[in-house]
Amino acid sequence: MTPAPHTHAPTRSLRLGYAVAGALFAFLWIGGTGEPAWVHASRSAFLLLSLPPILLPTNRRLAAAFLETTKPARASA
């Protein structure tokens, strides 16, 4: 029994979203080189304190997909 072809599409879009968000944050971090250190520190603290609660539903959905799949190596990739 093979899984439906559309079952892996949500994980691909999530991975793409993570990659885009990471690139955006890296660009913002590198682009602000002329700012004082406290600005970088406050931005980092804000991101580290605000992103985990926002990404928690995504993490739960991916964990559920990992536990339900017949090929866990593919889901964890």
Protein backbone atom coordinates (compact mmCIF):
# COMPACT_ATOMS: atom_id res chain seq x y z
CA MET A 1 0.00 0.00 0.00
CA THR A 2 1.64 3.23 -1.14
CA PRO A 3 0.87 6.61 0.42
CA ALA A 4 -0.96 9.23 -1.55
CA PRO A 5 1.36 11.53 -3.55
CA HIS A 6 0.11 14.66 -1.76
CA THR A 7 1.12 13.49 1.74
CA HIS A 8 4.64 14.94 1.56
CA ALA A 9 3.68 18.31 0.04
CA PRO A 10 2.95 20.04 3.39
CA THR A 11 6.36 19.06 4.77
CA ARG A 12 8.07 20.40 1.66
CA SER A 13 6.29 23.72 1.97
CA LEU A 14 7.19 23.89 5.66
CA ARG A 15 10.84 23.19 4.89
CA LEU A 16 10.79 25.89 2.25
CA GLY A 17 9.18 28.27 4.73
CA TYR A 18 11.89 27.54 7.30
CA ALA A 19 14.59 28.10 4.69
CA VAL A 20 13.09 31.42 3.59
CA ALA A 21 12.67 32.58 7.20
CA GLY A 22 16.25 31.60 8.00
CA ALA A 23 17.57 33.47 4.97
CA LEU A 24 15.51 36.52 5.89
CA PHE A 25 16.77 36.56 9.47
CA ALA A 26 20.35 36.08 8.30
CA PHE A 27 19.97 38.96 5.86
CA LEU A 28 18.54 41.20 8.58
CA TRP A 29 21.32 40.19 10.96
CA ILE A 30 24.11 40.84 8.46
CA GLY A 31 22.49 44.01 7.15
CA GLY A 32 22.52 45.67 10.56
CA THR A 33 26.30 45.72 10.99
CA GLY A 34 26.40 49.47 11.67
CA GLU A 35 24.10 49.19 14.69
CA PRO A 36 25.24 49.01 18.31
CA ALA A 37 25.62 45.65 20.04
CA TRP A 38 22.59 46.21 22.29
CA VAL A 39 20.35 46.45 19.22
CA HIS A 40 21.59 43.06 18.01
CA ALA A 41 21.14 41.63 21.50
CA SER A 42 17.58 42.92 21.83
CA ARG A 43 16.67 41.64 18.37
CA SER A 44 18.13 38.23 19.17
CA ALA A 45 16.29 38.08 22.49
CA PHE A 46 13.03 39.03 20.78
CA LEU A 47 13.46 36.34 18.11
CA LEU A 48 14.49 33.66 20.57
CA LEU A 49 11.56 34.41 22.85
CA SER A 50 8.86 34.90 20.21
CA LEU A 51 9.59 32.29 17.53
CA PRO A 52 9.34 29.04 19.57
CA PRO A 53 5.72 29.62 20.69
CA ILE A 54 4.79 30.58 17.12
CA LEU A 55 6.44 27.48 15.65
CA LEU A 56 5.08 25.04 18.26
CA PRO A 57 2.00 24.02 16.20
CA THR A 58 4.26 23.31 13.22
CA ASN A 59 6.54 21.20 15.37
CA ARG A 60 3.58 19.22 16.70
CA ARG A 61 2.23 18.64 13.20
CA LEU A 62 5.61 17.41 11.94
CA ALA A 63 6.02 15.16 14.97
CA ALA A 64 2.59 13.66 14.34
CA ALA A 65 3.48 13.07 10.69
CA PHE A 66 6.72 11.41 11.77
CA LEU A 67 4.91 9.05 14.14
CA GLU A 68 2.21 8.13 11.62
CA THR A 69 4.43 7.43 8.63
CA THR A 70 5.59 4.00 7.53
CA LYS A 71 8.97 5.40 6.45
CA PRO A 72 10.27 7.51 9.36
CA ALA A 73 13.60 8.26 7.68
CA ARG A 74 11.84 10.15 4.91
CA ALA A 75 9.65 12.10 7.35
CA SER A 76 12.60 13.09 9.51
CA ALA A 77 14.60 14.32 6.54
